[in-house]
Protein backbone atom coordinates (compact mmCIF):
# COMPACT_ATOMS: atom_id res chain seq x y z
CA MET A 1 54.20 213.20 -44.60
CA ILE A 2 55.57 216.08 -42.55
CA LEU A 3 53.55 218.92 -44.06
CA THR A 4 49.81 218.86 -44.56
CA THR A 5 50.00 217.99 -48.27
CA MET A 6 53.44 216.73 -49.27
CA THR A 7 53.92 216.75 -53.03
CA THR A 8 56.31 214.60 -55.06
CA ASN A 9 59.02 215.62 -57.49
CA THR A 10 61.51 213.28 -59.10
CA ASP A 11 63.70 215.97 -60.66
CA GLU A 12 67.15 215.80 -59.03
CA HIS A 13 68.25 219.13 -60.49
CA PRO A 14 65.86 221.96 -59.53
CA GLU A 15 65.56 224.85 -61.93
CA THR A 16 67.33 228.06 -61.09
CA LYS A 17 67.07 231.53 -62.48
CA GLY A 18 70.10 230.94 -64.69
CA ALA A 19 69.11 229.47 -68.04
CA SER A 20 71.94 226.94 -68.10
CA TYR A 21 70.59 225.39 -64.88
CA ALA A 22 66.91 225.39 -65.85
CA PRO A 23 65.15 222.15 -66.82
CA LYS A 24 61.54 222.34 -67.89
CA GLY A 25 58.34 221.42 -66.12
CA LEU A 26 58.95 222.94 -62.69
CA PRO A 27 56.36 224.87 -60.66
CA PRO A 28 55.78 228.59 -61.28
CA LYS A 29 56.80 231.27 -58.81
CA ALA A 30 54.84 231.16 -55.57
CA ALA A 31 52.00 233.68 -55.41
CA ILE A 32 52.86 235.29 -52.08
CA ASP A 33 52.58 238.97 -51.19
CA VAL A 34 56.17 239.98 -50.48
CA LYS A 35 58.08 243.04 -51.66
CA HIS A 36 61.63 241.86 -51.04
CA VAL A 37 63.04 238.34 -50.65
CA ILE A 38 66.57 238.41 -49.21
CA LEU A 39 68.72 235.26 -49.12
CA VAL A 40 71.30 234.92 -46.34
CA LEU A 41 74.01 232.35 -46.95
CA SER A 42 77.62 231.51 -46.23
CA GLY A 43 80.30 229.48 -47.91
CA LYS A 44 80.92 227.41 -44.77
CA GLY A 45 79.37 226.68 -41.40
CA GLY A 46 80.35 228.26 -38.11
CA VAL A 47 80.39 231.88 -39.24
CA GLY A 48 77.23 232.91 -37.37
CA LYS A 49 74.98 233.15 -40.42
CA SER A 50 71.79 232.22 -38.54
CA THR A 51 72.63 234.70 -35.77
CA VAL A 52 72.93 237.39 -38.43
CA SER A 53 69.62 236.31 -40.02
CA VAL A 54 67.78 236.44 -36.69
CA ASN A 55 69.12 239.83 -35.70
CA LEU A 56 68.74 241.31 -39.18
CA ALA A 57 65.09 240.20 -39.32
CA SER A 58 64.51 241.47 -35.78
CA ALA A 59 66.09 244.84 -36.61
CA LEU A 60 63.93 245.23 -39.72
CA SER A 61 60.88 244.34 -37.66
CA ALA A 62 61.82 246.83 -34.95
CA HIS A 63 62.05 249.52 -37.63
CA GLY A 64 58.45 248.95 -38.67
CA ARG A 65 58.83 246.50 -41.53
CA GLN A 66 56.54 243.48 -41.77
CA VAL A 67 59.01 240.60 -41.82
CA GLY A 68 58.92 236.87 -42.43
CA LEU A 69 61.89 234.73 -41.43
CA LEU A 70 62.11 231.41 -43.29
CA ASP A 71 64.55 228.87 -41.87
CA LEU A 72 65.65 226.73 -44.82
CA ASP A 73 68.43 224.92 -42.99
CA ILE A 74 66.25 221.84 -43.27
CA HIS A 75 68.79 219.39 -41.85
CA GLY A 76 69.85 221.61 -38.96
CA PRO A 77 67.16 224.21 -38.19
CA SER A 78 68.20 226.57 -35.38
CA ILE A 79 66.13 229.74 -35.84
CA PRO A 80 63.29 228.74 -33.45
CA LYS A 81 65.77 227.98 -30.65
CA MET A 82 67.48 231.34 -31.14
CA LEU A 83 64.12 233.11 -30.90
CA GLY A 84 62.82 231.14 -27.91
CA ILE A 85 59.92 229.63 -29.88
CA GLU A 86 61.17 226.06 -30.37
CA ASP A 87 58.30 224.62 -28.30
CA GLN A 88 55.60 226.29 -30.39
CA LYS A 89 53.75 224.68 -33.26
CA PRO A 90 52.18 226.38 -36.29
CA GLY A 91 48.42 226.29 -36.48
CA VAL A 92 46.64 224.73 -39.45
CA LEU A 93 43.48 226.10 -41.06
CA ASN A 94 42.11 224.57 -44.28
CA LYS A 95 45.48 222.87 -44.90
CA ILE A 96 47.29 226.21 -44.63
CA LEU A 97 49.96 226.62 -41.95
CA GLU A 98 50.10 229.69 -39.74
CA PRO A 99 53.67 230.86 -39.10
CA VAL A 100 54.76 231.33 -35.51
CA HIS A 101 54.71 235.01 -34.57
CA VAL A 102 57.54 236.39 -32.45
CA THR A 103 56.02 239.88 -32.53
CA GLY A 104 53.23 241.52 -34.48
CA THR A 105 55.72 242.27 -37.26
CA LEU A 106 57.92 239.15 -37.25
CA ALA A 107 56.66 235.71 -38.33
CA VAL A 108 58.77 232.54 -38.55
CA MET A 109 58.52 229.18 -40.30
CA SER A 110 61.00 226.35 -39.84
CA MET A 111 61.26 222.61 -40.27
CA ALA A 112 62.00 222.52 -36.53
CA PHE A 113 58.32 223.23 -35.81
CA LEU A 114 57.27 220.13 -37.72
CA LEU A 115 59.62 217.52 -36.26
CA PRO A 116 58.57 215.20 -33.41
CA ASP A 117 61.42 216.49 -31.25
CA THR A 118 64.62 218.53 -31.54
CA SER A 119 66.81 215.43 -31.98
CA SER A 120 64.86 214.04 -34.96
CA PRO A 121 67.03 214.00 -38.12
CA VAL A 122 65.78 214.94 -41.58
CA ILE A 123 67.16 212.46 -44.13
CA TRP A 124 66.06 213.84 -47.48
CA ARG A 125 67.47 214.20 -50.97
CA GLY A 126 66.93 217.15 -53.30
CA PRO A 127 63.40 216.48 -54.60
CA MET A 128 61.91 216.22 -51.10
CA LYS A 129 63.63 219.43 -50.04
CA MET A 130 62.34 221.28 -53.08
CA SER A 131 58.83 220.05 -52.33
CA VAL A 132 58.88 221.28 -48.74
CA ILE A 133 60.36 224.63 -49.79
CA GLN A 134 57.50 225.03 -52.25
CA GLN A 135 55.04 224.32 -49.46
CA PHE A 136 56.73 226.74 -47.07
CA LEU A 137 56.02 229.40 -49.67
CA THR A 138 52.58 228.43 -50.96
CA GLU A 139 50.96 226.69 -47.98
CA VAL A 140 51.93 229.11 -45.22
CA ASN A 141 49.80 232.15 -44.43
CA TRP A 142 52.57 234.75 -44.52
CA GLY A 143 50.23 237.66 -45.11
CA ALA A 144 51.59 240.83 -46.70
CA LEU A 145 55.35 241.12 -46.12
CA ASP A 146 57.85 243.88 -46.69
CA TYR A 147 60.71 241.40 -46.31
CA LEU A 148 61.12 237.64 -46.35
CA ILE A 149 64.55 236.83 -44.91
CA VAL A 150 65.60 233.33 -45.98
CA ASP A 151 68.24 231.67 -43.81
CA LEU A 152 69.94 229.08 -46.03
CA PRO A 153 72.24 226.24 -44.94
CA PRO A 154 75.98 226.67 -45.41
CA GLY A 155 77.43 225.96 -48.82
CA THR A 156 75.92 225.83 -52.30
CA GLY A 157 73.20 223.20 -52.24
CA ASP A 158 69.64 222.43 -53.31
CA GLU A 159 67.95 224.88 -50.95
CA ALA A 160 69.43 227.95 -52.64
CA LEU A 161 68.60 226.60 -56.10
CA SER A 162 65.01 225.85 -55.09
CA ILE A 163 64.23 229.15 -53.36
CA ILE A 164 65.57 231.12 -56.33
CA GLN A 165 63.34 229.08 -58.64
CA LEU A 166 60.21 229.29 -56.50
CA ALA A 167 60.20 232.61 -54.63
CA PRO A 168 58.99 235.85 -56.22
CA ASN A 169 60.84 239.16 -55.93
CA VAL A 170 64.22 237.75 -54.95
CA GLN A 171 66.15 240.99 -54.55
CA GLY A 172 69.45 239.27 -53.96
CA ALA A 173 71.74 237.50 -51.53
CA VAL A 174 73.75 238.57 -48.51
CA ILE A 175 76.95 236.59 -47.87
CA VAL A 176 78.11 236.17 -44.26
CA THR A 177 81.76 235.49 -43.49
CA THR A 178 84.27 235.80 -40.67
CA PRO A 179 87.64 237.54 -41.09
CA GLN A 180 89.80 234.40 -41.39
CA ASP A 181 91.31 233.60 -44.79
CA MET A 182 89.59 230.20 -45.09
CA ALA A 183 86.14 231.63 -44.35
CA VAL A 184 86.70 234.51 -46.78
CA LEU A 185 87.76 232.06 -49.51
CA ASP A 186 84.54 230.08 -49.03
CA ALA A 187 82.54 233.32 -49.01
CA MET A 188 84.02 234.25 -52.38
CA LYS A 189 82.91 230.85 -53.72
CA ALA A 190 79.39 231.58 -52.43
CA VAL A 191 79.44 234.94 -54.23
CA LYS A 192 80.37 233.28 -57.52
CA PHE A 193 77.71 230.61 -56.97
CA ILE A 194 75.00 233.25 -56.58
CA GLU A 195 76.28 235.21 -59.57
CA LYS A 196 76.09 232.07 -61.74
CA LEU A 197 72.42 231.83 -60.80
CA GLU A 198 71.95 235.39 -62.12
CA VAL A 199 70.87 236.70 -58.73
CA PRO A 200 72.36 239.98 -57.43
CA VAL A 201 74.82 239.80 -54.56
CA LEU A 202 73.67 242.58 -52.26
CA GLY A 203 76.85 242.51 -50.23
CA ILE A 204 79.13 240.85 -47.71
CA ILE A 205 78.77 241.01 -43.92
CA GLU A 206 81.82 240.30 -41.80
CA ASN A 207 80.66 238.61 -38.60
CA MET A 208 82.85 238.04 -35.52
CA SER A 209 84.87 241.06 -36.63
CA GLY A 210 86.86 241.60 -33.46
CA MET A 211 85.47 240.67 -30.06
CA ILE A 212 83.79 242.89 -27.48
CA CYS A 213 85.61 242.30 -24.18
CA PRO A 214 83.00 241.42 -21.52
CA GLN A 215 85.09 243.17 -18.85
CA CYS A 216 86.10 246.50 -20.38
CA GLY A 217 83.89 246.73 -23.48
CA GLU A 218 86.86 247.33 -25.79
CA THR A 219 87.26 245.49 -29.11
CA ILE A 220 89.90 242.74 -29.27
CA ASP A 221 91.18 241.40 -32.61
CA LEU A 222 90.44 237.79 -31.70
CA PHE A 223 89.99 236.48 -35.26
CA GLY A 224 91.30 239.56 -37.01
CA ARG A 225 89.31 242.12 -38.96
CA GLY A 226 88.92 243.30 -42.53
CA GLY A 227 88.88 240.06 -44.54
CA GLY A 228 85.25 240.46 -45.58
CA GLU A 229 85.72 244.08 -46.61
CA LYS A 230 88.79 243.18 -48.66
CA ALA A 231 86.88 240.38 -50.41
CA ALA A 232 84.01 242.74 -51.24
CA GLU A 233 86.48 245.23 -52.71
CA GLU A 234 88.18 242.54 -54.81
CA LEU A 235 84.85 241.25 -56.12
CA GLY A 236 83.39 244.70 -56.73
CA ILE A 237 80.34 244.17 -54.53
CA PRO A 238 79.00 246.22 -51.59
CA TYR A 239 80.36 245.78 -48.09
CA LEU A 240 77.37 245.96 -45.75
CA GLY A 241 79.38 246.19 -42.55
CA SER A 242 80.98 244.28 -39.71
CA ILE A 243 79.48 242.79 -36.55
CA PRO A 244 81.75 242.04 -33.58
CA LEU A 245 81.82 238.79 -31.66
CA ASP A 246 79.93 239.74 -28.52
CA PRO A 247 79.48 237.23 -25.66
CA GLU A 248 76.14 238.86 -24.92
CA MET A 249 74.91 238.12 -28.45
CA VAL A 250 75.99 234.49 -28.09
CA LYS A 251 74.20 234.30 -24.74
CA ALA A 252 71.07 235.89 -26.20
CA GLY A 253 70.91 233.22 -28.92
CA ASP A 254 71.32 230.41 -26.40
CA GLU A 255 68.57 231.91 -24.23
CA GLY A 256 66.20 232.44 -27.16
CA ARG A 257 65.93 236.21 -27.20
CA PRO A 258 66.98 238.41 -30.15
CA TYR A 259 69.97 240.49 -29.10
CA VAL A 260 68.92 243.65 -30.96
CA LEU A 261 65.57 243.81 -29.16
CA ARG A 262 67.16 243.88 -25.69
CA HIS A 263 70.53 245.61 -26.00
CA ALA A 264 69.82 248.98 -27.63
CA ASP A 265 72.64 251.51 -28.02
CA THR A 266 75.47 249.02 -27.44
CA PRO A 267 78.33 248.86 -29.99
CA THR A 268 77.07 245.50 -31.27
CA TRP A 269 73.50 246.79 -31.58
CA LYS A 270 74.77 249.80 -33.54
CA ALA A 271 76.77 247.50 -35.82
CA VAL A 272 73.72 245.33 -36.61
CA ASP A 273 71.56 248.41 -37.09
CA LEU A 274 74.08 249.89 -39.54
CA VAL A 275 74.17 246.65 -41.55
CA MET A 276 70.36 246.69 -41.65
CA GLU A 277 70.30 250.34 -42.78
CA ASN A 278 72.86 249.66 -45.52
CA LEU A 279 70.78 246.73 -46.77
CA VAL A 280 67.55 248.73 -46.72
CA ASN A 281 69.18 251.59 -48.62
CA LEU A 282 70.35 249.16 -51.30
CA VAL A 283 67.04 247.36 -51.64
CA GLU A 284 64.50 250.14 -51.21
CA SER A 285 66.30 252.81 -53.22
């Protein structure tokens, strides 16, 4: 058992918010004190979704929100590494886990904290994943949160279905893409997946939208720009903004330090901050 009290569940098809996907007999919504649950997902891997999740959560925290960051990429958790907390372990009190705190306003929980080492694989099917997601919600002392940012694995799998079934106050999903046609096509599939689950799509973020030259600071159209915005327009959903590919942001993730907390007033920082402001305006208004 990886968590303190692993439960069992033999249902291979977790309930979702959409009635056509909803078998009976599943657990009720978790009783956690959170105002806004935001799902972050992508149609494919390699678009920088987890980097966006980390910096979005850090930006919200820096602006005074109480934030939880839940890493639900169970098979490939990377959030702790990107925050420099991969060697920490959550405390346990009365069978309740304490999340790892990055700052006084940013708490993190991830499967990575519970594995013997970083190379240990997680070989689970749907029911086990649903069980651990339930425990990450109900058996973790999150405290009172303004936001719970949920970093989901790429694609349209069990984790998204389970969190929508189990988490309260799911405000909607943010879709991360890059400008290339293939990534945008997969992002559009992710949008339709979320819409079928009757969860609002809060908007699209175009990541790696141009590249910040490390020498001159100018923006280079390395992968192109505008694909995410065009997709949002076609689908009739908000476009939350674009974030450039910045070597300093990549370096910050490798070194375990949130970019937005250490690079204020740079073009990339301003881009992330604008995305965060657009999201807050949508959710809190």
